N, C-alpha and C. Protein backbone atom coordinates (compact mmCIF):
# COMPACT_ATOMS: atom_id res chain seq x y z
N MET A 1 15.44 13.71 2.54
CA MET A 1 15.79 12.31 2.51
C MET A 1 15.04 11.61 1.38
N LYS A 2 15.76 10.89 0.56
CA LYS A 2 15.13 10.17 -0.55
C LYS A 2 14.67 8.80 -0.08
N ARG A 3 13.47 8.45 -0.51
CA ARG A 3 12.92 7.13 -0.20
C ARG A 3 12.75 6.35 -1.48
N GLU A 4 12.98 5.06 -1.40
CA GLU A 4 12.78 4.21 -2.56
C GLU A 4 11.30 3.88 -2.68
N SER A 5 10.77 4.03 -3.87
CA SER A 5 9.37 3.72 -4.12
C SER A 5 9.31 2.48 -5.00
N ASN A 6 8.63 1.45 -4.50
CA ASN A 6 8.46 0.21 -5.24
C ASN A 6 6.99 -0.07 -5.44
N THR A 7 6.68 -0.66 -6.57
CA THR A 7 5.32 -1.10 -6.84
C THR A 7 5.33 -2.61 -6.95
N TYR A 8 4.38 -3.23 -6.25
CA TYR A 8 4.27 -4.69 -6.25
C TYR A 8 2.95 -5.09 -6.88
N GLU A 9 2.94 -6.27 -7.47
CA GLU A 9 1.71 -6.83 -8.00
C GLU A 9 1.37 -8.08 -7.19
N ILE A 10 0.12 -8.16 -6.77
CA ILE A 10 -0.41 -9.36 -6.11
C ILE A 10 -1.53 -9.86 -7.00
N GLN A 11 -1.43 -11.11 -7.41
CA GLN A 11 -2.42 -11.65 -8.32
C GLN A 11 -2.80 -13.06 -7.87
N GLY A 12 -4.09 -13.37 -7.96
CA GLY A 12 -4.51 -14.72 -7.61
C GLY A 12 -5.99 -14.93 -7.81
N ARG A 13 -6.37 -16.16 -7.68
CA ARG A 13 -7.77 -16.56 -7.85
C ARG A 13 -8.58 -16.07 -6.64
N ALA A 14 -9.79 -15.60 -6.93
CA ALA A 14 -10.66 -15.07 -5.88
C ALA A 14 -12.11 -15.39 -6.24
N SER A 15 -12.95 -15.36 -5.22
CA SER A 15 -14.38 -15.54 -5.41
C SER A 15 -15.12 -14.44 -4.67
N ILE A 16 -16.07 -13.84 -5.36
CA ILE A 16 -16.87 -12.76 -4.79
C ILE A 16 -18.33 -13.22 -4.71
N ASP A 17 -18.95 -12.97 -3.57
CA ASP A 17 -20.38 -13.23 -3.40
C ASP A 17 -21.12 -11.95 -3.76
N THR A 18 -21.58 -11.86 -5.01
CA THR A 18 -22.24 -10.64 -5.46
C THR A 18 -23.70 -10.57 -5.02
N THR A 19 -24.16 -11.56 -4.22
CA THR A 19 -25.48 -11.43 -3.62
C THR A 19 -25.40 -10.51 -2.40
N LEU A 20 -24.19 -10.35 -1.83
CA LEU A 20 -23.99 -9.46 -0.68
C LEU A 20 -23.74 -8.02 -1.10
N THR A 21 -22.92 -7.84 -2.13
CA THR A 21 -22.58 -6.51 -2.63
C THR A 21 -22.07 -6.65 -4.06
N THR A 22 -22.03 -5.57 -4.78
CA THR A 22 -21.61 -5.64 -6.19
C THR A 22 -20.10 -5.81 -6.30
N GLN A 23 -19.70 -6.30 -7.44
CA GLN A 23 -18.27 -6.45 -7.73
C GLN A 23 -17.57 -5.09 -7.63
N GLN A 24 -18.19 -4.05 -8.15
CA GLN A 24 -17.60 -2.71 -8.12
C GLN A 24 -17.36 -2.23 -6.70
N GLU A 25 -18.31 -2.51 -5.80
CA GLU A 25 -18.15 -2.10 -4.40
C GLU A 25 -17.02 -2.87 -3.72
N VAL A 26 -16.88 -4.15 -4.05
CA VAL A 26 -15.78 -4.95 -3.49
C VAL A 26 -14.44 -4.38 -3.96
N LEU A 27 -14.34 -4.08 -5.25
CA LEU A 27 -13.09 -3.52 -5.78
C LEU A 27 -12.80 -2.15 -5.16
N ALA A 28 -13.84 -1.37 -4.90
CA ALA A 28 -13.65 -0.07 -4.23
C ALA A 28 -13.15 -0.27 -2.80
N ASP A 29 -13.68 -1.29 -2.11
CA ASP A 29 -13.21 -1.59 -0.76
C ASP A 29 -11.73 -1.97 -0.77
N ILE A 30 -11.33 -2.76 -1.75
CA ILE A 30 -9.92 -3.15 -1.86
C ILE A 30 -9.07 -1.93 -2.17
N ARG A 31 -9.54 -1.08 -3.08
CA ARG A 31 -8.80 0.12 -3.47
C ARG A 31 -8.61 1.08 -2.30
N SER A 32 -9.49 1.00 -1.30
CA SER A 32 -9.39 1.90 -0.15
C SER A 32 -8.33 1.46 0.87
N ILE A 33 -7.76 0.28 0.68
CA ILE A 33 -6.71 -0.21 1.59
C ILE A 33 -5.44 0.58 1.33
N ARG A 34 -4.80 1.03 2.39
CA ARG A 34 -3.59 1.85 2.27
C ARG A 34 -2.54 1.13 1.42
N GLY A 35 -2.02 1.84 0.43
CA GLY A 35 -0.98 1.32 -0.45
C GLY A 35 -1.51 0.76 -1.75
N VAL A 36 -2.78 0.33 -1.79
CA VAL A 36 -3.35 -0.23 -3.00
C VAL A 36 -3.66 0.90 -3.97
N THR A 37 -3.18 0.76 -5.21
CA THR A 37 -3.38 1.82 -6.20
C THR A 37 -4.31 1.39 -7.34
N ILE A 38 -4.20 0.13 -7.77
CA ILE A 38 -5.01 -0.35 -8.90
C ILE A 38 -5.55 -1.73 -8.55
N VAL A 39 -6.83 -1.97 -8.89
CA VAL A 39 -7.46 -3.26 -8.66
C VAL A 39 -8.26 -3.64 -9.90
N SER A 40 -8.11 -4.89 -10.33
CA SER A 40 -8.96 -5.39 -11.41
C SER A 40 -9.37 -6.82 -11.11
N PHE A 41 -10.49 -7.22 -11.69
CA PHE A 41 -11.02 -8.57 -11.51
C PHE A 41 -11.43 -9.09 -12.87
N SER A 42 -10.85 -10.22 -13.28
CA SER A 42 -11.18 -10.83 -14.58
C SER A 42 -11.85 -12.17 -14.32
N PRO A 43 -13.12 -12.31 -14.70
CA PRO A 43 -13.83 -13.56 -14.43
C PRO A 43 -13.20 -14.74 -15.17
N ILE A 44 -13.22 -15.91 -14.54
CA ILE A 44 -12.71 -17.13 -15.17
C ILE A 44 -13.66 -17.55 -16.29
N ASN A 45 -14.96 -17.52 -16.00
CA ASN A 45 -15.99 -17.90 -16.97
C ASN A 45 -16.76 -16.64 -17.35
N GLU A 46 -16.50 -16.13 -18.52
CA GLU A 46 -17.13 -14.87 -18.94
C GLU A 46 -18.64 -14.99 -19.18
N ASP A 47 -19.13 -16.21 -19.32
CA ASP A 47 -20.57 -16.42 -19.53
C ASP A 47 -21.35 -16.43 -18.22
N GLU A 48 -20.64 -16.52 -17.10
CA GLU A 48 -21.28 -16.57 -15.79
C GLU A 48 -21.77 -15.17 -15.40
N PRO A 49 -22.97 -15.06 -14.83
CA PRO A 49 -23.48 -13.73 -14.46
C PRO A 49 -22.67 -13.11 -13.31
N ALA A 50 -22.44 -11.81 -13.41
CA ALA A 50 -21.68 -11.10 -12.38
C ALA A 50 -22.57 -10.67 -11.22
N THR A 51 -23.86 -10.60 -11.43
CA THR A 51 -24.76 -10.16 -10.37
C THR A 51 -25.51 -11.34 -9.78
N SER A 52 -25.86 -11.23 -8.51
CA SER A 52 -26.59 -12.27 -7.78
C SER A 52 -25.93 -13.64 -7.94
N ASN A 53 -24.61 -13.65 -7.77
CA ASN A 53 -23.83 -14.87 -7.92
C ASN A 53 -23.08 -15.12 -6.61
N LYS A 54 -23.38 -16.21 -5.93
CA LYS A 54 -22.72 -16.50 -4.65
C LYS A 54 -21.24 -16.85 -4.80
N ASN A 55 -20.83 -17.26 -6.00
CA ASN A 55 -19.46 -17.71 -6.21
C ASN A 55 -18.94 -17.22 -7.56
N TYR A 56 -18.75 -15.91 -7.67
CA TYR A 56 -18.25 -15.29 -8.91
C TYR A 56 -16.73 -15.37 -8.88
N VAL A 57 -16.16 -16.32 -9.61
CA VAL A 57 -14.74 -16.64 -9.54
C VAL A 57 -13.98 -15.94 -10.66
N GLY A 58 -12.81 -15.42 -10.30
CA GLY A 58 -11.96 -14.77 -11.29
C GLY A 58 -10.56 -14.55 -10.75
N ILE A 59 -9.79 -13.80 -11.51
CA ILE A 59 -8.42 -13.45 -11.12
C ILE A 59 -8.43 -12.01 -10.61
N LEU A 60 -8.01 -11.85 -9.37
CA LEU A 60 -7.89 -10.53 -8.75
C LEU A 60 -6.45 -10.07 -8.95
N ASP A 61 -6.29 -8.88 -9.52
CA ASP A 61 -4.97 -8.32 -9.80
C ASP A 61 -4.88 -6.98 -9.09
N ILE A 62 -3.90 -6.85 -8.21
CA ILE A 62 -3.77 -5.67 -7.36
C ILE A 62 -2.37 -5.10 -7.48
N LYS A 63 -2.29 -3.78 -7.57
CA LYS A 63 -1.00 -3.09 -7.54
C LYS A 63 -0.89 -2.37 -6.21
N VAL A 64 0.27 -2.50 -5.57
CA VAL A 64 0.52 -1.90 -4.25
C VAL A 64 1.78 -1.05 -4.35
N ASP A 65 1.69 0.18 -3.84
CA ASP A 65 2.84 1.08 -3.78
C ASP A 65 3.28 1.18 -2.33
N ASN A 66 4.56 1.05 -2.08
CA ASN A 66 5.06 1.11 -0.70
C ASN A 66 5.18 2.54 -0.19
N PHE A 67 4.97 3.54 -1.03
CA PHE A 67 5.22 4.93 -0.66
C PHE A 67 4.43 5.41 0.58
N PRO A 68 3.15 5.03 0.77
CA PRO A 68 2.44 5.55 1.95
C PRO A 68 2.95 5.01 3.30
N PHE A 69 3.80 4.01 3.27
CA PHE A 69 4.28 3.39 4.50
C PHE A 69 5.58 4.05 4.95
N GLU A 70 5.68 4.34 6.24
CA GLU A 70 6.93 4.91 6.80
C GLU A 70 8.06 3.90 6.68
N ARG A 71 7.80 2.71 7.18
CA ARG A 71 8.78 1.62 7.10
C ARG A 71 8.07 0.43 6.48
N PHE A 72 8.35 0.18 5.23
CA PHE A 72 7.66 -0.89 4.50
C PHE A 72 8.44 -2.18 4.65
N ASP A 73 7.77 -3.19 5.17
CA ASP A 73 8.33 -4.53 5.25
C ASP A 73 7.53 -5.38 4.26
N LYS A 74 8.16 -5.76 3.16
CA LYS A 74 7.45 -6.43 2.06
C LYS A 74 6.63 -7.61 2.55
N LYS A 75 7.24 -8.52 3.27
CA LYS A 75 6.53 -9.73 3.70
C LYS A 75 5.36 -9.39 4.62
N ARG A 76 5.61 -8.57 5.62
CA ARG A 76 4.57 -8.24 6.60
C ARG A 76 3.45 -7.41 5.98
N ASP A 77 3.81 -6.34 5.27
CA ASP A 77 2.79 -5.41 4.77
C ASP A 77 1.97 -5.99 3.61
N LEU A 78 2.60 -6.75 2.73
CA LEU A 78 1.83 -7.37 1.65
C LEU A 78 0.90 -8.46 2.21
N GLN A 79 1.39 -9.22 3.21
CA GLN A 79 0.52 -10.22 3.84
C GLN A 79 -0.65 -9.54 4.55
N ASN A 80 -0.40 -8.39 5.17
CA ASN A 80 -1.47 -7.65 5.84
C ASN A 80 -2.54 -7.21 4.83
N ILE A 81 -2.11 -6.75 3.66
CA ILE A 81 -3.07 -6.35 2.62
C ILE A 81 -3.88 -7.56 2.17
N ILE A 82 -3.23 -8.70 1.98
CA ILE A 82 -3.94 -9.93 1.60
C ILE A 82 -4.97 -10.29 2.66
N ASN A 83 -4.58 -10.21 3.92
CA ASN A 83 -5.50 -10.54 5.02
C ASN A 83 -6.68 -9.57 5.07
N LEU A 84 -6.44 -8.28 4.82
CA LEU A 84 -7.53 -7.30 4.80
C LEU A 84 -8.52 -7.60 3.68
N ILE A 85 -8.00 -8.01 2.53
CA ILE A 85 -8.87 -8.39 1.41
C ILE A 85 -9.72 -9.60 1.79
N ARG A 86 -9.10 -10.58 2.40
CA ARG A 86 -9.82 -11.80 2.79
C ARG A 86 -10.92 -11.52 3.82
N ARG A 87 -10.80 -10.44 4.58
CA ARG A 87 -11.80 -10.09 5.61
C ARG A 87 -13.01 -9.34 5.05
N ILE A 88 -12.94 -8.92 3.80
CA ILE A 88 -14.09 -8.23 3.19
C ILE A 88 -15.24 -9.25 3.12
N PRO A 89 -16.41 -8.89 3.67
CA PRO A 89 -17.51 -9.87 3.78
C PRO A 89 -17.88 -10.58 2.47
N ALA A 90 -17.81 -9.91 1.35
CA ALA A 90 -18.22 -10.53 0.08
C ALA A 90 -17.11 -11.35 -0.57
N ILE A 91 -15.93 -11.38 0.01
CA ILE A 91 -14.84 -12.20 -0.53
C ILE A 91 -14.96 -13.60 0.07
N ASN A 92 -15.25 -14.59 -0.78
CA ASN A 92 -15.32 -15.98 -0.33
C ASN A 92 -13.93 -16.53 -0.08
N PHE A 93 -13.03 -16.26 -1.02
CA PHE A 93 -11.64 -16.65 -0.86
C PHE A 93 -10.76 -15.78 -1.76
N PHE A 94 -9.50 -15.65 -1.39
CA PHE A 94 -8.48 -15.00 -2.21
C PHE A 94 -7.20 -15.79 -2.02
N ARG A 95 -6.71 -16.38 -3.11
CA ARG A 95 -5.50 -17.21 -3.08
C ARG A 95 -4.44 -16.62 -4.00
N PRO A 96 -3.62 -15.74 -3.46
CA PRO A 96 -2.59 -15.14 -4.31
C PRO A 96 -1.56 -16.19 -4.71
N ASP A 97 -1.20 -16.18 -5.99
CA ASP A 97 -0.16 -17.09 -6.45
C ASP A 97 0.99 -16.33 -7.10
N LEU A 98 0.87 -15.01 -7.18
CA LEU A 98 1.92 -14.20 -7.76
C LEU A 98 2.08 -12.93 -6.93
N ILE A 99 3.28 -12.71 -6.45
CA ILE A 99 3.63 -11.45 -5.80
C ILE A 99 4.98 -11.08 -6.37
N ASN A 100 5.03 -9.97 -7.11
CA ASN A 100 6.33 -9.59 -7.68
C ASN A 100 6.53 -8.09 -7.69
N LEU A 101 7.79 -7.72 -7.78
CA LEU A 101 8.18 -6.32 -7.85
C LEU A 101 8.03 -5.87 -9.29
N LEU A 102 7.28 -4.79 -9.51
CA LEU A 102 7.06 -4.31 -10.88
C LEU A 102 8.09 -3.30 -11.31
N GLU A 103 8.45 -2.40 -10.41
CA GLU A 103 9.40 -1.35 -10.78
C GLU A 103 10.19 -0.93 -9.55
N ASN A 104 11.32 -0.38 -9.78
CA ASN A 104 12.17 0.07 -8.68
C ASN A 104 12.76 1.42 -9.09
N GLU A 105 12.31 2.46 -8.46
CA GLU A 105 12.82 3.79 -8.80
C GLU A 105 13.05 4.61 -7.55
N THR A 106 14.01 5.46 -7.60
CA THR A 106 14.33 6.31 -6.45
C THR A 106 13.69 7.66 -6.67
N LEU A 107 13.03 8.15 -5.65
CA LEU A 107 12.41 9.48 -5.72
C LEU A 107 13.36 10.53 -5.25
């Protein structure tokens, strides 16, 4: 049986408390969420220190593949991923403003 594989991008403003854990550890936590394949964080103010910063603000960009899910419901599963990110202790906030389909291919 062929399944359709789609990749979605979720992007939005986020704040990381790097006094709790490093930016790299937060990104690794996000990457460990089922379906997440790529994570990047681009600081808004490049002159601001990334370490020991209670409010390190930037743009969080996440790629999600629906392939690991048996039955992927875009609205439910993408919202679940957003909620899991928001529950990470060092995440002060995550406000996604872009969710789009990147590619559509049949396996």
